[in-house]
Amino acid sequence: MTRAEPIAVVALLMLVVPAVAHAAEVEVTPAEDLLAAVAALQPGDTLILREGTYELAARFGVDLVGTVELPIIIRAADGEAVHIHRAGTDQNIVDFDAAEYLTIAGIEFSGGSAGLRFSDARFVTLTGCEVHDTADVAVRANDVGIVYEGFHILRNEIHHTSGTGEGMYLGCNENGCQFTGALIEGNWVHDTNGAGVSQGDGIELKEGSSDNIVRDNVVHDTGYPCLLVYANAGSGGVNTLERNLLWNCGDHGIQAAADAVIRNNIILSSNSDGIAMQPHQSGAPANLVVVHNTVLHATNDAISVRDAVGSVTIANNALYAQQGDALFVGGDASMIAVVGNVGVGTVSGIDATLGAGDIATDFVAASYAGVPPIDVFPAPGGALIGSGDPGTVVEDDFNCTQRAGGTPDAGAYLADASGNPGWTLRAGFKECGGSGGDDGTTGDGGTVDDSSGGGPSEGADSGASDASAGEA
């Protein structure tokens, strides 16, 4: 596995946090008591794990409460491979019973029931880690009554889950807790679709989640949707899903109930629809903007909207449906605006047009094969060039390149006659801005003001997340 060095994030934190005399830097080895070392940490302390495997048997529950001025950092030693492993499945790998202003960097976690469970937690940064081969969800923050605020989940590899099997389970069913103000960026989530998985969403934001940014992630081979977002239930602003690469999603590629901006994503394949907007729990399609996405779909629909109850904008997308509809609308279409889309397939249920496209000539090297290598960069002279609507253009593209003024190109990319200046679509960590970028991320990783919350757990300590049947 390759991933960006988390030490860069830790170094940035050290630059912006003033030095304090009583802050300590402590090292621990696999021969020592890891739980005792973690439990002894105070605000401002850094715990450095030396190379090796740390085997866990008893429950590993910790309270780690730093401050904005004095965060707590737990990280792997520079250039060393650190692995925290739990052979049994009766406990989660680590239970963060209380966590604030905490950074976890560069550590591999495997085994256990759930991987990392966050209970009463806010302003947590998880960066450059690997979580895999869990008996349930990999990363969960879903305790009833908690406001999970300001998480940064950056450049982690999450894979090979089991049980309900979500890569990230963030928030609660029926608005039982709120996950808000997070940056979920640059992660690689894959293979949540094994034989032992009953659900297996890639990244799931539950009802009541708001003001989250999910961007530049690579998600593939999932059991349920690669990205799933519910309505915000009046908790705050929209969730933004942008510049993600998705394929072989076990249900929809992206499923949204309401209150979301979905832009500049590339979806190469999914078992149901590419982007589906449909009722879920208390939410129904409204306050949705779907712009500048590229969707290739061998079966079913590229984009679908069912039973909209509010504003839905579908604009400037490249929609190539080999057999199904490029756009399907079921129910009332009066609040749905459709403009500037190009592709292949029919439009059903709404009086709208689709600019005629041809997959063979509109892209550099595209197909309906559904997995990379596929190159969906616009080909010179193709139908995507200059076919979008200027009134709904977004500021950048999938490569994080700023879009120029004038009539935009349809789809996730800004066209360039000299070829794609950015990252090649593949399994692994996305680099935003091309191979010359250093860590591929675009967020600043800063912290925000804290908040409080509390309440009983939504699941047992063993880590089983609450059921979320009927997600598709």
Protein backbone atom coordinates (compact mmCIF):
# COMPACT_ATOMS: atom_id res chain seq x y z
CA MET A 1 0.00 0.00 0.00
CA THR A 2 1.16 3.51 -0.75
CA ARG A 3 -0.32 6.60 0.78
CA ALA A 4 0.75 10.17 1.50
CA GLU A 5 2.98 10.56 4.54
CA PRO A 6 0.80 11.65 7.47
CA ILE A 7 3.81 13.38 9.01
CA ALA A 8 3.16 16.39 6.77
CA VAL A 9 -0.20 16.86 8.47
CA VAL A 10 1.35 16.45 11.91
CA ALA A 11 4.08 18.96 11.04
CA LEU A 12 1.45 21.46 9.95
CA LEU A 13 -0.35 21.04 13.24
CA MET A 14 2.89 21.68 15.12
CA LEU A 15 3.44 24.91 13.18
CA VAL A 16 0.06 26.34 14.06
CA VAL A 17 -0.01 25.16 17.70
CA PRO A 18 2.12 27.26 20.06
CA ALA A 19 4.86 25.45 21.99
CA VAL A 20 3.94 24.68 25.59
CA ALA A 21 6.46 23.75 28.26
CA HIS A 22 4.54 20.82 29.70
CA ALA A 23 3.70 19.12 26.36
CA ALA A 24 5.53 15.78 26.17
CA GLU A 25 6.73 13.58 23.32
CA VAL A 26 6.69 9.92 24.30
CA GLU A 27 7.76 6.81 22.39
CA VAL A 28 6.37 3.31 22.84
CA THR A 29 7.35 -0.06 21.36
CA PRO A 30 5.35 -3.28 20.86
CA ALA A 31 7.08 -4.70 23.95
CA GLU A 32 5.51 -2.03 26.15
CA ASP A 33 1.96 -1.39 27.39
CA LEU A 34 0.28 0.58 24.61
CA LEU A 35 -2.98 1.15 26.49
CA ALA A 36 -1.13 2.57 29.49
CA ALA A 37 0.89 4.87 27.25
CA VAL A 38 -2.24 6.14 25.51
CA ALA A 39 -4.18 6.56 28.76
CA ALA A 40 -1.39 8.72 30.20
CA LEU A 41 -1.56 11.31 27.41
CA GLN A 42 -2.40 14.86 28.38
CA PRO A 43 -3.36 17.83 26.18
CA GLY A 44 -0.40 18.79 24.00
CA ASP A 45 1.29 15.38 24.20
CA THR A 46 2.51 13.35 21.22
CA LEU A 47 2.77 9.56 21.37
CA ILE A 48 5.11 8.05 18.77
CA LEU A 49 4.65 4.36 18.02
CA ARG A 50 7.80 2.53 16.97
CA GLU A 51 7.80 -0.13 14.29
CA GLY A 52 6.11 -3.47 14.84
CA THR A 53 2.79 -5.13 15.58
CA TYR A 54 0.84 -4.22 18.69
CA GLU A 55 -1.46 -7.14 19.56
CA LEU A 56 -4.66 -6.37 21.48
CA ALA A 57 -6.74 -8.77 23.55
CA ALA A 58 -8.78 -6.85 26.14
CA ARG A 59 -11.07 -3.97 25.25
CA PHE A 60 -9.02 -0.93 24.21
CA GLY A 61 -11.15 2.02 25.30
CA VAL A 62 -9.60 5.47 25.65
CA ASP A 63 -10.51 9.03 26.64
CA LEU A 64 -8.30 11.52 24.80
CA VAL A 65 -9.42 15.11 25.16
CA GLY A 66 -7.07 17.78 23.89
CA THR A 67 -7.80 21.42 23.18
CA VAL A 68 -7.54 23.60 20.09
CA GLU A 69 -4.27 25.01 21.46
CA LEU A 70 -3.04 21.65 22.81
CA PRO A 71 -4.14 18.77 20.58
CA ILE A 72 -3.13 15.19 21.32
CA ILE A 73 -1.24 13.37 18.56
CA ILE A 74 -0.73 9.61 18.18
CA ARG A 75 1.40 8.71 15.19
CA ALA A 76 3.75 6.20 13.69
CA ALA A 77 7.44 6.97 13.91
CA ASP A 78 8.81 8.52 10.73
CA GLY A 79 9.36 5.88 8.06
CA GLU A 80 8.29 2.99 10.30
CA ALA A 81 5.46 0.49 9.76
CA VAL A 82 3.14 0.34 12.77
CA HIS A 83 0.32 -2.21 12.97
CA ILE A 84 -2.33 -2.44 15.70
CA HIS A 85 -4.05 -5.82 15.42
CA ARG A 86 -6.86 -7.58 17.25
CA ALA A 87 -7.28 -11.27 16.48
CA GLY A 88 -10.65 -11.63 18.21
CA THR A 89 -13.96 -10.22 17.01
CA ASP A 90 -15.63 -9.71 20.40
CA GLN A 91 -14.33 -6.13 20.67
CA ASN A 92 -13.60 -3.26 18.31
CA ILE A 93 -9.96 -2.61 17.56
CA VAL A 94 -10.09 0.73 19.40
CA ASP A 95 -13.00 2.45 21.15
CA PHE A 96 -12.53 6.20 21.40
CA ASP A 97 -14.99 6.69 24.27
CA ALA A 98 -14.18 10.39 24.39
CA ALA A 99 -12.02 12.26 21.89
CA GLU A 100 -11.48 15.93 21.12
CA TYR A 101 -8.70 17.67 19.22
CA LEU A 102 -7.04 14.34 18.52
CA THR A 103 -4.89 13.32 15.54
CA ILE A 104 -4.19 9.68 14.62
CA ALA A 105 -1.63 9.37 11.84
CA GLY A 106 0.14 6.70 9.83
CA ILE A 107 -1.07 3.57 11.67
CA GLU A 108 -2.39 0.30 10.26
CA PHE A 109 -5.37 -1.22 12.09
CA SER A 110 -6.79 -4.70 11.42
CA GLY A 111 -9.10 -7.31 12.91
CA GLY A 112 -11.64 -6.79 15.64
CA SER A 113 -15.38 -6.27 15.29
CA ALA A 114 -15.62 -2.67 14.14
CA GLY A 115 -12.30 -1.05 13.38
CA LEU A 116 -12.30 2.40 14.96
CA ARG A 117 -15.37 3.39 16.95
CA PHE A 118 -15.81 7.03 17.92
CA SER A 119 -18.34 7.62 20.68
CA ASP A 120 -18.32 11.10 22.23
CA ALA A 121 -15.96 12.66 19.70
CA ARG A 122 -15.34 15.91 17.84
CA PHE A 123 -12.45 17.60 16.04
CA VAL A 124 -10.69 14.32 15.31
CA THR A 125 -8.20 13.93 12.46
CA LEU A 126 -7.60 10.45 11.04
CA THR A 127 -4.88 10.68 8.41
CA GLY A 128 -2.65 8.32 6.48
CA CYS A 129 -3.99 5.22 8.24
CA GLU A 130 -5.13 1.83 6.98
CA VAL A 131 -8.14 -0.01 8.43
CA HIS A 132 -8.88 -3.45 7.05
CA ASP A 133 -10.10 -7.00 7.59
CA THR A 134 -12.61 -6.05 10.24
CA ALA A 135 -15.59 -8.22 11.19
CA ASP A 136 -17.90 -5.22 10.81
CA VAL A 137 -17.74 -1.55 9.78
CA ALA A 138 -14.25 -0.06 9.48
CA VAL A 139 -14.78 3.49 10.82
CA ARG A 140 -17.92 4.36 12.75
CA ALA A 141 -19.24 7.46 14.48
CA ASN A 142 -22.87 6.65 15.28
CA ASP A 143 -23.70 6.94 18.98
CA VAL A 144 -27.17 8.34 19.65
CA GLY A 145 -27.29 11.88 21.00
CA ILE A 146 -23.79 12.92 19.93
CA VAL A 147 -22.93 15.86 17.69
CA TYR A 148 -19.86 14.70 15.76
CA GLU A 149 -18.28 17.95 14.68
CA GLY A 150 -15.22 18.86 12.65
CA PHE A 151 -13.80 15.43 11.74
CA HIS A 152 -11.01 15.29 9.16
CA ILE A 153 -10.69 11.86 7.53
CA LEU A 154 -7.80 12.20 5.10
CA ARG A 155 -5.80 9.84 2.86
CA ASN A 156 -6.75 6.59 4.58
CA GLU A 157 -7.05 3.17 2.93
CA ILE A 158 -10.12 1.26 4.13
CA HIS A 159 -10.86 -2.19 2.77
CA HIS A 160 -12.02 -5.77 3.25
CA THR A 161 -14.73 -5.35 5.85
CA SER A 162 -17.36 -7.89 6.91
CA GLY A 163 -20.70 -7.92 8.76
CA THR A 164 -22.66 -4.81 7.81
CA GLY A 165 -19.35 -3.87 6.27
CA GLU A 166 -19.50 -0.12 5.67
CA GLY A 167 -16.19 1.59 4.99
CA MET A 168 -17.33 4.69 6.90
CA TYR A 169 -20.58 4.81 8.87
CA LEU A 170 -21.04 8.43 9.92
CA GLY A 171 -24.12 9.59 11.80
CA CYS A 172 -27.28 7.78 12.89
CA ASN A 173 -30.50 6.53 11.41
CA GLU A 174 -33.54 8.78 11.84
CA ASN A 175 -31.39 11.78 12.86
CA GLY A 176 -30.45 10.09 16.12
CA CYS A 177 -27.08 11.87 16.11
CA GLN A 178 -25.51 14.46 13.83
CA PHE A 179 -22.27 14.28 11.86
CA THR A 180 -21.39 17.79 10.73
CA GLY A 181 -18.65 20.02 9.38
CA ALA A 182 -16.33 17.20 8.31
CA LEU A 183 -13.76 16.99 5.54
CA ILE A 184 -13.55 13.46 4.10
CA GLU A 185 -10.85 13.76 1.48
CA GLY A 186 -8.46 11.68 -0.55
CA ASN A 187 -9.37 8.28 0.90
CA TRP A 188 -9.22 4.95 -0.90
CA VAL A 189 -12.17 2.74 0.09
CA HIS A 190 -12.55 -0.61 -1.59
CA ASP A 191 -13.62 -4.25 -1.30
CA THR A 192 -16.50 -3.79 1.11
CA ASN A 193 -18.41 -6.42 -0.87
CA GLY A 194 -17.03 -9.71 0.42
CA ALA A 195 -19.06 -12.86 0.97
CA GLY A 196 -19.56 -11.98 4.64
CA VAL A 197 -20.88 -8.45 3.98
CA SER A 198 -24.61 -7.75 4.32
CA GLN A 199 -24.51 -4.08 3.23
CA GLY A 200 -21.10 -2.58 2.52
CA ASP A 201 -21.59 1.08 1.61
CA GLY A 202 -18.34 2.84 0.84
CA ILE A 203 -18.92 6.16 2.63
CA GLU A 204 -22.29 6.69 4.31
CA LEU A 205 -23.57 9.96 5.79
CA LYS A 206 -26.72 9.27 7.77
CA GLU A 207 -29.81 11.41 8.27
CA GLY A 208 -29.09 14.70 10.02
CA SER A 209 -25.58 14.96 8.58
CA SER A 210 -24.80 18.45 7.29
CA ASP A 211 -22.08 20.75 5.99
CA ASN A 212 -19.75 17.86 5.17
CA ILE A 213 -17.35 17.77 2.21
CA VAL A 214 -16.63 14.38 0.62
CA ARG A 215 -14.07 14.91 -2.11
CA ASP A 216 -11.22 13.36 -4.08
CA ASN A 217 -11.94 9.85 -2.78
CA VAL A 218 -11.55 6.66 -4.80
CA VAL A 219 -14.30 4.17 -3.90
CA HIS A 220 -14.86 0.87 -5.67
CA ASP A 221 -16.07 -2.70 -5.23
CA THR A 222 -18.71 -2.01 -2.60
CA GLY A 223 -21.78 -3.96 -1.52
CA TYR A 224 -24.16 -1.00 -1.33
CA PRO A 225 -23.74 2.49 -2.87
CA CYS A 226 -20.22 3.82 -3.11
CA LEU A 227 -21.46 7.12 -1.63
CA LEU A 228 -24.73 7.42 0.29
CA VAL A 229 -26.07 10.63 1.79
CA TYR A 230 -29.40 11.13 3.52
CA ALA A 231 -31.31 14.39 4.13
CA ASN A 232 -29.87 16.86 6.63
CA ALA A 233 -33.16 16.93 8.56
CA GLY A 234 -32.83 20.67 9.09
CA SER A 235 -29.57 20.28 10.99
CA GLY A 236 -27.51 22.64 8.82
CA GLY A 237 -26.32 23.19 5.27
CA VAL A 238 -25.86 20.89 2.30
CA ASN A 239 -23.38 18.05 2.02
CA THR A 240 -20.98 18.33 -0.91
CA LEU A 241 -19.84 15.25 -2.85
CA GLU A 242 -17.23 16.26 -5.40
CA ARG A 243 -14.36 15.01 -7.53
CA ASN A 244 -14.73 11.39 -6.43
CA LEU A 245 -13.96 8.38 -8.65
CA LEU A 246 -16.36 5.44 -8.28
CA TRP A 247 -16.81 2.07 -9.93
CA ASN A 248 -18.29 -1.37 -9.33
CA CYS A 249 -20.65 0.02 -6.71
CA GLY A 250 -22.94 -2.77 -5.51
CA ASP A 251 -26.06 -0.62 -5.72
CA HIS A 252 -26.18 2.98 -6.95
CA GLY A 253 -22.95 4.84 -7.54
CA ILE A 254 -24.17 7.84 -5.54
CA GLN A 255 -27.48 7.80 -3.68
CA ALA A 256 -28.88 11.01 -2.19
CA ALA A 257 -32.16 11.78 -0.48
CA ALA A 258 -31.89 15.58 -0.24
CA ASP A 259 -29.72 18.57 0.67
CA ALA A 260 -26.62 17.81 -1.39
CA VAL A 261 -24.37 19.22 -4.09
CA ILE A 262 -23.03 16.45 -6.34
CA ARG A 263 -20.42 17.74 -8.78
CA ASN A 264 -17.36 16.76 -10.79
CA ASN A 265 -17.65 13.06 -9.92
CA ILE A 266 -16.73 10.25 -12.30
CA ILE A 267 -18.77 7.04 -12.12
CA LEU A 268 -17.62 4.18 -14.32
CA SER A 269 -20.13 1.51 -13.22
CA SER A 270 -22.65 0.47 -10.59
CA ASN A 271 -25.19 -2.31 -10.25
CA SER A 272 -28.20 0.00 -10.19
CA ASP A 273 -28.19 3.66 -11.30
CA GLY A 274 -25.21 5.96 -11.57
CA ILE A 275 -26.64 8.82 -9.48
CA ALA A 276 -29.97 8.13 -7.79
CA MET A 277 -32.08 10.70 -5.95
CA GLN A 278 -34.93 9.05 -4.08
CA PRO A 279 -36.81 9.17 -0.75
CA HIS A 280 -35.02 7.70 2.24
CA GLN A 281 -36.15 7.78 5.87
CA SER A 282 -37.69 11.26 6.40
CA GLY A 283 -36.04 12.83 3.35
CA ALA A 284 -37.21 13.10 -0.25
CA PRO A 285 -35.46 14.70 -3.23
CA ALA A 286 -35.18 18.45 -2.71
CA ASN A 287 -32.40 21.00 -2.45
CA LEU A 288 -30.22 18.94 -4.79
CA VAL A 289 -27.72 20.18 -7.38
CA VAL A 290 -26.15 17.61 -9.71
CA VAL A 291 -23.69 19.27 -12.08
CA HIS A 292 -20.64 18.44 -14.20
CA ASN A 293 -20.54 14.71 -13.44
CA THR A 294 -19.42 12.05 -15.92
CA VAL A 295 -21.39 8.81 -15.72
CA LEU A 296 -20.84 5.75 -17.91
CA HIS A 297 -23.44 3.04 -17.41
CA ALA A 298 -23.78 -0.23 -19.26
CA THR A 299 -27.16 -1.04 -17.66
CA ASN A 300 -29.94 0.90 -15.93
CA ASP A 301 -29.97 4.70 -15.74
CA ALA A 302 -27.14 7.20 -15.58
CA ILE A 303 -29.20 9.58 -13.38
CA SER A 304 -32.59 8.95 -11.80
CA VAL A 305 -34.93 11.12 -9.73
CA ARG A 306 -37.95 9.66 -7.97
CA ASP A 307 -40.70 11.53 -6.15
CA ALA A 308 -39.06 14.94 -5.92
CA VAL A 309 -40.67 17.34 -3.46
CA GLY A 310 -38.40 20.34 -3.99
CA SER A 311 -35.78 21.90 -6.24
CA VAL A 312 -33.49 19.57 -8.19
CA THR A 313 -30.98 20.88 -10.76
CA ILE A 314 -29.35 18.49 -13.23
CA ALA A 315 -26.93 20.36 -15.47
CA ASN A 316 -23.79 20.02 -17.57
CA ASN A 317 -23.40 16.30 -16.97
CA ALA A 318 -21.95 13.74 -19.39
CA LEU A 319 -24.44 10.87 -19.23
CA TYR A 320 -23.75 7.75 -21.27
CA ALA A 321 -26.28 4.96 -20.73
CA GLN A 322 -25.73 2.03 -23.03
CA GLN A 323 -29.10 0.38 -22.36
CA GLY A 324 -31.10 2.46 -19.87
CA ASP A 325 -32.11 6.09 -19.64
CA ALA A 326 -29.54 8.84 -19.52
CA LEU A 327 -32.06 10.57 -17.24
CA PHE A 328 -35.13 9.01 -15.66
CA VAL A 329 -37.68 11.02 -13.67
CA GLY A 330 -40.50 9.35 -11.77
CA GLY A 331 -43.25 11.43 -10.19
CA ASP A 332 -43.70 15.19 -10.26
CA ALA A 333 -41.12 16.78 -12.58
CA SER A 334 -42.24 20.39 -12.15
CA MET A 335 -39.45 21.29 -9.71
CA ILE A 336 -36.65 19.66 -11.70
CA ALA A 337 -34.44 21.81 -13.96
CA VAL A 338 -32.47 20.03 -16.68
CA VAL A 339 -29.99 21.88 -18.91
CA GLY A 340 -26.66 21.45 -20.66
CA ASN A 341 -26.39 17.66 -20.43
CA VAL A 342 -24.78 15.57 -23.18
CA GLY A 343 -24.59 11.84 -23.77
CA VAL A 344 -26.22 8.64 -24.90
CA GLY A 345 -29.61 7.25 -23.87
CA THR A 346 -33.16 8.45 -23.55
CA VAL A 347 -34.75 11.02 -21.26
CA SER A 348 -37.90 9.74 -19.56
CA GLY A 349 -40.50 11.39 -17.36
CA ILE A 350 -39.57 15.01 -18.06
CA ASP A 351 -39.73 17.35 -21.03
CA ALA A 352 -35.99 17.89 -21.49
CA THR A 353 -33.35 17.26 -24.10
CA LEU A 354 -29.96 15.57 -24.07
CA GLY A 355 -27.23 16.73 -26.40
CA ALA A 356 -26.31 13.84 -28.69
CA GLY A 357 -23.07 12.13 -27.78
CA ASP A 358 -20.97 9.18 -28.90
CA ILE A 359 -18.81 7.34 -26.38
CA ALA A 360 -16.34 6.39 -29.10
CA THR A 361 -15.60 9.97 -30.16
CA ASP A 362 -16.39 12.12 -27.13
CA PHE A 363 -13.66 10.71 -24.86
CA VAL A 364 -10.00 9.85 -25.25
CA ALA A 365 -10.50 6.13 -24.53
CA ALA A 366 -13.84 5.34 -22.90
CA SER A 367 -15.94 2.19 -22.84
CA TYR A 368 -18.72 0.55 -20.86
CA ALA A 369 -16.30 -1.98 -19.37
CA GLY A 370 -16.88 -0.41 -15.96
CA VAL A 371 -13.36 -0.59 -14.51
CA PRO A 372 -10.08 1.22 -15.24
CA PRO A 373 -8.23 1.61 -17.50
CA ILE A 374 -10.84 3.97 -18.90
CA ASP A 375 -10.03 7.52 -19.98
CA VAL A 376 -13.04 9.83 -19.90
CA PHE A 377 -11.09 13.01 -20.63
CA PRO A 378 -12.88 14.93 -23.43
CA ALA A 379 -11.56 14.22 -26.90
CA PRO A 380 -10.90 17.18 -29.21
CA GLY A 381 -13.91 17.83 -31.39
CA GLY A 382 -16.22 15.69 -29.26
CA ALA A 383 -19.74 16.59 -28.20
CA LEU A 384 -18.73 17.60 -24.66
CA ILE A 385 -16.69 20.60 -25.77
CA GLY A 386 -18.52 23.86 -25.11
CA SER A 387 -21.87 22.15 -24.63
CA GLY A 388 -22.64 23.11 -21.03
CA ASP A 389 -24.85 25.83 -19.63
CA PRO A 390 -22.93 28.93 -18.43
CA GLY A 391 -25.50 29.60 -15.73
CA THR A 392 -24.72 26.40 -13.84
CA VAL A 393 -20.96 26.04 -14.30
CA VAL A 394 -18.83 25.19 -11.24
CA GLU A 395 -15.48 26.73 -10.38
CA ASP A 396 -13.17 23.76 -10.94
CA ASP A 397 -13.11 20.27 -12.47
CA PHE A 398 -12.21 16.71 -11.44
CA ASN A 399 -8.51 17.60 -11.67
CA CYS A 400 -9.05 20.65 -9.41
CA THR A 401 -8.31 22.81 -12.45
CA GLN A 402 -10.12 26.14 -12.45
CA ARG A 403 -12.70 26.34 -15.21
CA ALA A 404 -12.37 29.33 -17.51
CA GLY A 405 -15.21 31.70 -18.35
CA GLY A 406 -17.49 31.33 -21.32
CA THR A 407 -19.50 28.28 -22.32
CA PRO A 408 -18.33 25.33 -20.22
CA ASP A 409 -17.59 21.79 -21.31
CA ALA A 410 -20.07 19.18 -20.16
CA GLY A 411 -18.89 16.51 -17.75
CA ALA A 412 -16.35 16.34 -14.95
CA TYR A 413 -13.35 17.66 -16.88
CA LEU A 414 -12.29 20.96 -18.39
CA ALA A 415 -11.12 20.01 -21.88
CA ASP A 416 -7.51 20.55 -22.93
CA ALA A 417 -6.40 20.02 -26.53
CA SER A 418 -2.97 18.90 -25.35
CA GLY A 419 -4.43 16.09 -23.26
CA ASN A 420 -5.28 15.34 -19.66
CA PRO A 421 -2.91 17.32 -17.39
CA GLY A 422 -4.05 15.42 -14.32
CA TRP A 423 -4.18 12.08 -12.58
CA THR A 424 -4.83 8.82 -14.44
CA LEU A 425 -7.97 7.01 -13.26
CA ARG A 426 -6.93 3.91 -11.32
CA ALA A 427 -7.20 2.06 -8.03
CA GLY A 428 -5.25 3.91 -5.36
CA PHE A 429 -5.05 7.38 -3.91
CA LYS A 430 -6.16 10.21 -6.15
CA GLU A 431 -3.78 13.07 -6.81
CA CYS A 432 -5.61 16.33 -7.29
CA GLY A 433 -3.89 18.49 -9.88
CA GLY A 434 -1.87 15.73 -11.49
CA SER A 435 1.12 13.57 -10.70
CA GLY A 436 3.17 16.60 -9.76
CA GLY A 437 1.12 17.19 -6.62
CA ASP A 438 2.70 16.29 -3.30
CA ASP A 439 -0.08 14.66 -1.33
CA GLY A 440 -3.07 15.06 -3.58
CA THR A 441 -5.24 16.85 -1.05
CA THR A 442 -6.75 20.27 -1.32
CA GLY A 443 -8.13 20.87 2.17
CA ASP A 444 -6.35 22.92 4.81
CA GLY A 445 -6.92 20.45 7.62
CA GLY A 446 -7.60 23.20 10.15
CA THR A 447 -9.74 22.93 13.24
CA VAL A 448 -12.92 24.70 14.15
CA ASP A 449 -14.68 25.66 17.36
CA ASP A 450 -15.75 22.79 19.59
CA SER A 451 -19.16 21.61 20.60
CA SER A 452 -20.57 19.24 23.16
CA GLY A 453 -22.88 16.29 23.10
CA GLY A 454 -23.65 13.07 24.87
CA GLY A 455 -25.98 10.14 24.98
CA PRO A 456 -26.27 6.39 24.87
CA SER A 457 -24.64 4.30 22.21
CA GLU A 458 -26.50 3.33 19.07
CA GLY A 459 -24.66 0.00 18.93
CA ALA A 460 -23.03 -2.44 21.32
CA ASP A 461 -19.40 -2.18 22.36
CA SER A 462 -18.60 -5.04 20.06
CA GLY A 463 -19.17 -2.59 17.25
CA ALA A 464 -22.20 -3.75 15.31
CA SER A 465 -23.59 -0.69 13.56
CA ASP A 466 -27.33 -0.17 13.45
CA ALA A 467 -29.18 -1.76 10.59
CA SER A 468 -29.85 0.40 7.58
CA ALA A 469 -32.03 -1.83 5.46
CA GLY A 470 -33.67 -0.51 2.35
CA GLU A 471 -30.87 1.86 1.42
CA ALA A 472 -31.18 1.20 -2.22
